[in-house]
Protein backbone atom coordinates (compact mmCIF):
# COMPACT_ATOMS: atom_id res chain seq x y z
CA UNK A 1 -14.39 -35.21 6.02
CA UNK A 2 -13.72 -32.77 8.89
CA UNK A 3 -14.19 -29.23 7.61
CA UNK A 4 -13.76 -25.95 9.45
CA UNK A 5 -16.37 -23.25 9.75
CA UNK A 6 -14.39 -21.21 7.20
CA UNK A 7 -14.31 -24.01 4.67
CA UNK A 8 -18.00 -24.76 4.99
CA UNK A 9 -18.94 -21.08 4.89
CA UNK A 10 -16.80 -20.15 1.88
CA UNK A 11 -17.23 -23.19 -0.37
CA UNK A 12 -20.36 -25.11 0.67
CA UNK A 13 -22.89 -22.57 1.94
CA UNK A 14 -25.61 -20.90 -0.14
CA UNK A 15 -24.49 -22.61 -3.36
CA UNK A 16 -26.67 -21.70 -6.34
CA UNK A 17 -25.22 -24.03 -8.99
CA UNK A 18 -23.09 -27.12 -8.53
CA UNK A 19 -21.54 -28.71 -11.61
CA UNK A 20 -20.13 -32.22 -11.46
CA UNK A 21 -17.18 -32.50 -13.84
CA UNK A 22 -14.54 -29.87 -14.65
CA UNK A 23 -13.97 -30.81 -18.28
CA UNK A 24 -14.82 -28.83 -21.41
CA UNK A 25 -18.59 -29.17 -20.87
CA UNK A 26 -18.56 -28.40 -17.17
CA UNK A 27 -16.34 -25.33 -17.45
CA UNK A 28 -18.31 -23.89 -20.36
CA UNK A 29 -21.55 -24.49 -18.48
CA UNK A 30 -20.14 -22.63 -15.48
CA UNK A 31 -18.93 -19.71 -17.60
CA UNK A 32 -22.30 -19.41 -19.32
CA UNK A 33 -24.11 -19.53 -15.97
CA UNK A 34 -21.85 -16.72 -14.79
CA UNK A 35 -22.92 -14.64 -17.83
CA UNK A 36 -26.59 -15.30 -17.09
CA UNK A 37 -26.41 -14.98 -13.31
CA UNK A 38 -23.54 -12.61 -12.42
CA UNK A 39 -24.12 -12.67 -8.65
CA UNK A 40 -24.61 -16.42 -8.26
CA UNK A 41 -22.36 -18.81 -6.36
CA UNK A 42 -21.07 -21.51 -8.72
CA UNK A 43 -19.18 -24.57 -7.54
CA UNK A 44 -17.52 -27.22 -9.73
CA UNK A 45 -16.67 -30.63 -8.26
CA UNK A 46 -14.08 -32.81 -10.00
CA UNK A 47 -13.31 -36.34 -8.85
CA UNK A 48 -9.79 -36.37 -10.31
CA UNK A 49 -6.63 -34.38 -9.73
CA UNK A 50 -7.33 -33.04 -13.24
CA UNK A 51 -10.47 -33.62 -15.36
CA UNK A 52 -10.83 -37.39 -15.17
CA UNK A 53 -12.45 -38.25 -18.51
CA UNK A 54 -11.06 -37.09 -21.85
CA UNK A 55 -10.79 -33.29 -21.62
CA UNK A 56 -7.08 -33.34 -20.71
CA UNK A 57 -6.38 -36.74 -22.28
CA UNK A 58 -7.68 -36.32 -25.85
CA UNK A 59 -5.53 -36.09 -28.98
CA UNK A 60 -6.21 -32.40 -29.64
CA UNK A 61 -8.12 -32.81 -32.92
CA UNK A 62 -10.24 -29.81 -33.92
CA UNK A 63 -12.31 -32.04 -36.20
CA UNK A 64 -15.96 -32.83 -36.97
CA UNK A 65 -15.69 -36.30 -38.55
CA UNK A 66 -13.65 -37.90 -41.32
CA UNK A 67 -15.31 -38.82 -44.61
CA UNK A 68 -15.71 -42.51 -43.70
CA UNK A 69 -16.92 -41.66 -40.19
CA UNK A 70 -19.64 -39.45 -41.66
CA UNK A 71 -20.48 -42.25 -44.14
CA UNK A 72 -20.69 -44.69 -41.23
CA UNK A 73 -22.96 -42.33 -39.29
CA UNK A 74 -25.29 -42.18 -42.31
CA UNK A 75 -25.92 -45.92 -41.88
CA UNK A 76 -27.35 -45.46 -38.36
CA UNK A 77 -28.67 -41.87 -38.45
CA UNK A 78 -30.83 -39.97 -40.91
CA UNK A 79 -29.15 -37.57 -43.33
CA UNK A 80 -30.70 -34.66 -41.43
CA UNK A 81 -29.34 -35.96 -38.11
CA UNK A 82 -25.83 -36.38 -39.53
CA UNK A 83 -25.81 -32.86 -40.99
CA UNK A 84 -27.06 -31.48 -37.66
CA UNK A 85 -24.30 -33.35 -35.81
CA UNK A 86 -21.60 -31.96 -38.11
CA UNK A 87 -23.07 -28.47 -37.78
CA UNK A 88 -23.05 -28.72 -33.96
CA UNK A 89 -19.42 -29.84 -34.00
CA UNK A 90 -18.43 -27.03 -36.35
CA UNK A 91 -20.29 -24.40 -34.31
CA UNK A 92 -18.77 -25.79 -31.13
CA UNK A 93 -15.25 -25.43 -32.53
CA UNK A 94 -15.94 -21.82 -33.50
CA UNK A 95 -17.32 -21.12 -30.03
CA UNK A 96 -14.23 -22.63 -28.39
CA UNK A 97 -11.97 -20.46 -30.55
CA UNK A 98 -14.06 -17.36 -29.85
CA UNK A 99 -14.12 -17.95 -26.09
CA UNK A 100 -10.40 -18.62 -25.65
CA UNK A 101 -8.67 -17.25 -28.74
CA UNK A 102 -6.50 -19.24 -31.15
CA UNK A 103 -3.24 -18.38 -29.41
CA UNK A 104 -4.47 -19.74 -26.06
CA UNK A 105 -5.26 -23.15 -27.58
CA UNK A 106 -2.33 -23.20 -30.06
CA UNK A 107 -4.75 -23.57 -32.98
CA UNK A 108 -2.95 -24.81 -36.09
CA UNK A 109 -5.06 -25.05 -39.30
CA UNK A 110 -2.94 -27.71 -41.02
CA UNK A 111 -5.97 -29.55 -42.41
CA UNK A 112 -6.98 -33.17 -41.91
CA UNK A 113 -6.31 -36.29 -43.95
CA UNK A 114 -7.80 -39.76 -44.21
CA UNK A 115 -5.65 -42.62 -45.44
CA UNK A 116 -6.57 -46.12 -46.57
CA UNK A 117 -4.50 -49.26 -46.15
CA UNK A 118 -3.76 -51.39 -49.23
CA UNK A 119 -6.07 -54.04 -47.77
CA UNK A 120 -9.04 -51.61 -47.72
CA UNK A 121 -9.79 -51.50 -51.44
CA UNK A 122 -13.57 -51.66 -50.96
CA UNK A 123 -13.57 -48.92 -48.31
CA UNK A 124 -11.38 -46.74 -50.52
CA UNK A 125 -13.65 -47.16 -53.54
CA UNK A 126 -16.79 -46.44 -51.50
CA UNK A 127 -15.22 -43.34 -49.97
CA UNK A 128 -14.06 -41.84 -53.26
CA UNK A 129 -17.49 -42.50 -54.77
CA UNK A 130 -19.23 -40.75 -51.85
CA UNK A 131 -17.11 -37.59 -51.80
CA UNK A 132 -19.46 -35.63 -54.04
CA UNK A 133 -22.58 -36.67 -52.13
CA UNK A 134 -21.11 -35.86 -48.69
CA UNK A 135 -19.80 -32.52 -49.95
CA UNK A 136 -23.29 -31.70 -51.24
CA UNK A 137 -25.04 -32.37 -47.92
CA UNK A 138 -22.38 -30.35 -46.03
CA UNK A 139 -22.44 -27.43 -48.49
CA UNK A 140 -24.99 -25.39 -46.45
CA UNK A 141 -22.64 -25.48 -43.44
CA UNK A 142 -19.24 -24.80 -45.03
CA UNK A 143 -20.25 -23.02 -48.27
CA UNK A 144 -17.40 -24.93 -49.94
CA UNK A 145 -16.27 -28.46 -50.76
CA UNK A 146 -15.06 -30.17 -47.60
CA UNK A 147 -13.38 -33.32 -48.95
CA UNK A 148 -11.21 -33.95 -51.99
CA UNK A 149 -8.51 -36.41 -53.11
CA UNK A 150 -4.87 -35.47 -52.79
CA UNK A 151 -1.67 -37.37 -53.56
CA UNK A 152 0.11 -38.65 -50.43
CA UNK A 153 3.15 -36.44 -49.92
CA UNK A 154 4.04 -37.94 -46.52
CA UNK A 155 5.53 -41.20 -47.84
CA UNK A 156 3.20 -43.47 -45.87
CA UNK A 157 3.65 -47.15 -46.71
CA UNK A 158 1.16 -49.93 -47.42
CA UNK A 159 -1.51 -47.34 -48.21
CA UNK A 160 -3.30 -45.98 -51.26
CA UNK A 161 -1.51 -43.27 -53.19
CA UNK A 162 -4.35 -40.82 -52.61
CA UNK A 163 -5.49 -39.34 -49.30
CA UNK A 164 -8.81 -37.60 -48.64
CA UNK A 165 -8.00 -34.03 -47.58
CA UNK A 166 -10.20 -31.73 -45.49
CA UNK A 167 -8.95 -28.11 -45.24
CA UNK A 168 -11.32 -27.23 -42.38
CA UNK A 169 -9.66 -29.50 -39.82
CA UNK A 170 -7.00 -28.31 -37.38
CA UNK A 171 -5.09 -29.30 -34.27
CA UNK A 172 -4.95 -27.71 -30.85
CA UNK A 173 -2.90 -28.11 -27.68
CA UNK A 174 -5.25 -29.87 -25.25
CA UNK A 175 -3.23 -28.88 -22.20
CA UNK A 176 -3.16 -25.20 -23.18
CA UNK A 177 -6.89 -25.28 -23.90
CA UNK A 178 -7.83 -26.71 -20.51
CA UNK A 179 -5.38 -24.45 -18.69
CA UNK A 180 -6.94 -21.41 -20.40
CA UNK A 181 -10.45 -22.60 -19.57
CA UNK A 182 -9.60 -23.19 -15.90
CA UNK A 183 -7.87 -19.83 -15.68
CA UNK A 184 -10.92 -18.10 -17.17
CA UNK A 185 -13.29 -19.90 -14.79
CA UNK A 186 -11.23 -18.90 -11.75
CA UNK A 187 -11.06 -15.30 -12.97
CA UNK A 188 -14.88 -15.34 -13.10
CA UNK A 189 -15.06 -16.34 -9.40
CA UNK A 190 -16.11 -19.91 -10.13
CA UNK A 191 -15.07 -22.24 -7.32
CA UNK A 192 -13.35 -25.48 -8.42
CA UNK A 193 -12.58 -28.35 -6.05
CA UNK A 194 -10.59 -31.37 -7.23
CA UNK A 195 -10.44 -34.90 -5.80
CA UNK A 196 -14.08 -34.57 -4.76
CA UNK A 197 -16.21 -37.51 -5.85
CA UNK A 198 -19.98 -37.12 -5.66
CA UNK A 199 -21.23 -40.40 -4.19
CA UNK A 200 -24.97 -39.64 -4.12
CA UNK A 201 -27.53 -36.88 -4.39
CA UNK A 202 -31.07 -36.43 -3.12
CA UNK A 203 -33.58 -33.95 -4.45
CA UNK A 204 -35.55 -31.89 -1.96
CA UNK A 205 -38.49 -29.54 -2.52
CA UNK A 206 -36.39 -26.46 -3.20
CA UNK A 207 -32.82 -27.76 -3.55
CA UNK A 208 -30.58 -30.83 -3.87
CA UNK A 209 -28.46 -32.52 -1.21
CA UNK A 210 -25.09 -33.59 -2.60
CA UNK A 211 -22.96 -36.19 -0.82
CA UNK A 212 -19.17 -36.23 -0.97
CA UNK A 213 -18.53 -39.41 0.99
CA UNK A 214 -19.61 -38.70 4.58
CA UNK A 215 -20.02 -34.95 4.01
CA UNK A 216 -23.03 -33.36 2.32
CA UNK A 217 -24.21 -29.89 1.37
CA UNK A 218 -27.15 -28.38 -0.49
CA UNK A 219 -27.28 -26.59 -3.83
CA UNK A 220 -30.20 -24.95 -5.61
CA UNK A 221 -29.38 -26.63 -8.92
CA UNK A 222 -27.18 -29.63 -9.77
CA UNK A 223 -25.68 -30.10 -13.26
CA UNK A 224 -23.89 -33.26 -14.40
CA UNK A 225 -21.15 -32.90 -17.02
CA UNK A 226 -19.52 -36.28 -16.50
CA UNK A 227 -19.77 -37.68 -20.06
CA UNK A 228 -18.31 -41.22 -20.04
CA UNK A 229 -18.94 -41.57 -16.30
CA UNK A 230 -22.59 -40.49 -16.53
CA UNK A 231 -24.10 -43.93 -15.89
CA UNK A 232 -22.45 -44.09 -12.45
CA UNK A 233 -24.85 -41.56 -10.92
CA UNK A 234 -27.60 -40.59 -13.34
CA UNK A 235 -28.13 -43.79 -15.33
CA UNK A 236 -28.31 -42.15 -18.75
CA UNK A 237 -27.84 -44.09 -22.01
CA UNK A 238 -24.09 -43.50 -22.01
CA UNK A 239 -21.38 -46.14 -22.13
CA UNK A 240 -17.75 -45.42 -21.28
CA UNK A 241 -15.32 -45.94 -24.16
CA UNK A 242 -11.61 -46.08 -23.47
CA UNK A 243 -9.24 -44.45 -25.95
CA UNK A 244 -5.63 -45.65 -25.75
CA UNK A 245 -2.87 -43.32 -26.92
CA UNK A 246 0.90 -43.29 -27.31
CA UNK A 247 3.42 -40.59 -28.21
CA UNK A 248 6.95 -40.83 -29.55
CA UNK A 249 10.07 -38.98 -28.48
CA UNK A 250 11.09 -36.10 -30.79
CA UNK A 251 11.97 -37.34 -34.31
CA UNK A 252 14.68 -35.66 -36.35
CA UNK A 253 13.42 -34.03 -39.59
CA UNK A 254 9.82 -35.21 -39.12
CA UNK A 255 7.88 -34.05 -42.19
CA UNK A 256 4.32 -34.89 -41.08
CA UNK A 257 1.97 -32.03 -40.22
CA UNK A 258 -1.76 -32.32 -39.75
CA UNK A 259 -4.40 -34.57 -38.27
CA UNK A 260 -4.88 -38.03 -39.78
CA UNK A 261 -7.66 -40.65 -39.65
CA UNK A 262 -7.96 -44.34 -40.53
CA UNK A 263 -10.90 -46.78 -40.47
CA UNK A 264 -13.90 -44.52 -39.76
CA UNK A 265 -11.86 -42.56 -37.22
CA UNK A 266 -11.12 -45.59 -35.03
CA UNK A 267 -7.42 -44.78 -35.49
CA UNK A 268 -6.03 -41.25 -35.51
CA UNK A 269 -2.61 -39.63 -35.40
CA UNK A 270 -1.02 -36.22 -35.63
CA UNK A 271 2.24 -34.44 -35.14
CA UNK A 272 2.90 -32.52 -31.94
CA UNK A 273 5.89 -30.51 -33.05
CA UNK A 274 8.32 -33.21 -34.15
CA UNK A 275 6.62 -36.07 -32.29
CA UNK A 276 3.86 -38.40 -33.46
CA UNK A 277 0.80 -39.00 -31.28
CA UNK A 278 -1.21 -42.09 -32.25
CA UNK A 279 -4.37 -43.44 -30.67
CA UNK A 280 -7.45 -45.58 -31.12
CA UNK A 281 -8.07 -49.27 -31.73
CA UNK A 282 -11.11 -49.81 -29.51
CA UNK A 283 -12.77 -51.47 -32.54
CA UNK A 284 -10.42 -54.43 -31.94
CA UNK A 285 -12.36 -55.29 -28.77
CA UNK A 286 -15.39 -53.09 -28.12
CA UNK A 287 -16.43 -55.06 -25.04
CA UNK A 288 -13.09 -54.76 -23.26
CA UNK A 289 -12.83 -51.06 -24.15
CA UNK A 290 -16.26 -50.30 -22.65
CA UNK A 291 -14.59 -49.46 -19.36
CA UNK A 292 -13.53 -46.60 -17.09
CA UNK A 293 -10.19 -48.29 -16.39
CA UNK A 294 -7.40 -45.97 -17.56
CA UNK A 295 -4.79 -48.68 -18.19
CA UNK A 296 -3.66 -50.03 -21.59
CA UNK A 297 -3.96 -53.43 -23.25
CA UNK A 298 -1.35 -55.42 -25.14
CA UNK A 299 -3.77 -56.09 -28.02
CA UNK A 300 -4.31 -52.43 -28.85
CA UNK A 301 -0.81 -51.20 -28.04
CA UNK A 302 0.65 -53.85 -30.37
CA UNK A 303 -1.67 -52.70 -33.15
CA UNK A 304 -0.73 -49.05 -32.62
CA UNK A 305 2.96 -49.94 -32.72
CA UNK A 306 2.41 -51.96 -35.90
CA UNK A 307 0.77 -48.96 -37.59
CA UNK A 308 3.68 -46.76 -36.55
CA UNK A 309 6.26 -49.21 -37.84
CA UNK A 310 4.59 -50.34 -41.08
CA UNK A 311 2.49 -47.35 -42.18
CA UNK A 312 3.30 -44.01 -40.52
CA UNK A 313 7.06 -44.12 -39.89
CA UNK A 314 8.29 -47.11 -41.95
CA UNK A 315 11.80 -45.82 -42.68
CA UNK A 316 12.32 -43.73 -39.56
CA UNK A 317 14.03 -44.37 -36.25
CA UNK A 318 11.77 -43.52 -33.34
CA UNK A 319 11.14 -44.38 -29.70
CA UNK A 320 7.85 -44.41 -27.82
CA UNK A 321 8.08 -42.09 -24.83
CA UNK A 322 4.71 -42.31 -23.13
CA UNK A 323 1.30 -44.03 -23.16
CA UNK A 324 -2.04 -43.09 -21.62
CA UNK A 325 -5.81 -43.58 -21.90
CA UNK A 326 -8.88 -41.35 -21.75
CA UNK A 327 -12.56 -42.15 -21.26
CA UNK A 328 -15.14 -41.00 -23.82
CA UNK A 329 -18.93 -41.22 -23.61
CA UNK A 330 -20.73 -43.22 -26.32
CA UNK A 331 -24.22 -44.52 -26.99
CA UNK A 332 -26.53 -45.97 -29.61
CA UNK A 333 -26.93 -42.44 -30.99
CA UNK A 334 -24.17 -39.87 -31.44
CA UNK A 335 -26.54 -37.08 -30.47
CA UNK A 336 -25.45 -35.61 -27.12
CA UNK A 337 -27.88 -35.84 -24.20
CA UNK A 338 -28.70 -32.38 -22.83
CA UNK A 339 -31.69 -32.82 -20.54
CA UNK A 340 -33.49 -31.67 -17.45
CA UNK A 341 -33.66 -34.84 -15.34
CA UNK A 342 -35.93 -33.44 -12.64
CA UNK A 343 -36.94 -30.15 -11.01
CA UNK A 344 -33.41 -29.19 -9.94
CA UNK A 345 -31.11 -31.66 -11.75
CA UNK A 346 -29.73 -31.44 -15.32
CA UNK A 347 -27.16 -33.22 -17.49
CA UNK A 348 -25.02 -32.62 -20.58
CA UNK A 349 -23.34 -35.90 -21.51
CA UNK A 350 -22.51 -38.36 -24.35
CA UNK A 351 -20.09 -36.40 -26.54
CA UNK A 352 -19.55 -39.41 -28.86
CA UNK A 353 -15.78 -38.93 -28.99
CA UNK A 354 -16.19 -35.33 -30.20
CA UNK A 355 -15.79 -33.45 -26.92
CA UNK A 356 -13.28 -30.93 -28.26
CA UNK A 357 -15.67 -30.06 -31.08
CA UNK A 358 -19.01 -29.95 -29.26
CA UNK A 359 -18.09 -29.65 -25.58
CA UNK A 360 -18.26 -25.86 -25.47
CA UNK A 361 -21.64 -25.77 -27.23
CA UNK A 362 -23.10 -28.54 -25.04
CA UNK A 363 -21.89 -26.72 -21.94
CA UNK A 364 -23.69 -23.60 -23.11
CA UNK A 365 -26.86 -25.58 -23.92
CA UNK A 366 -26.71 -27.21 -20.49
CA UNK A 367 -26.52 -23.82 -18.77
CA UNK A 368 -29.45 -22.59 -20.87
CA UNK A 369 -31.68 -25.36 -19.45
CA UNK A 370 -31.49 -23.85 -15.96
């Protein structure tokens, strides 16, 4: 990298805080650092043309966990941990709305639904039996009942007649959200450089040397907000998890509005105007989907198409317009990792597939560590 004096002086000299990753966490961390340290020089480095992980590739669910996902979490986490996780997600969503405003993220409070296939009789029975219990443990957060049964008015096929409805769930426009966040960061004099991959870093007595290929610079503090890519540089207990997604062309007279979940949240779909976005399926092959490769697989795409054809849009003509993938950060626990790694290095990673919900809060917590 052959940089001029001007480039080095303006972007890479006397840097106070360098954040790796320009997604939801990284941008919120930068904005909160700007609040705390108004005169500081803040630099964000992003390895992609746009945020590379899931921040611009997610489905735009303003959610905190479907009923069966919360039930599943209760099998591997304590009740207190699960309630704390839901509370963090809920607080994070409110912080995102407060920071950007509902209009800027196209917030639509249509509610969320969980549906059950005819073949899932046991899961359906367990879920309906657990509604009261889950509502009770979430009562302190929402001060109301979160989940209740509702008759399916969407004419889904090969599913149970009743859906589980959650009035607190909503949808957002992911592109608008990230555009608003980037715009706000730039307006706060936060420097953002794309297509800059950090290849190594070395901690010194009073600062950190950061390598971008053959070029390096120093920063007083280094913060990692790389979520699913965390293990590449900082070796945290985070595994990448690919999420495959497809979207249809516009559908005439589409009467589906809301966010929808199946099978503990492993499948999810929503309307975007008069289109259907559908994603998920990594539970078909966890090993293959533990990857940072952004391509798609025939196994999962076939399953998504089958759900569209047999369940979601059984009597409707539609065409698939586009497919993509995003990379989430998972681990044995769904609790995010927000830690000081050493004297001058910090991380906020492992969003557990809930980056939209908790990303803003984790970014703030990360900035508070400094």
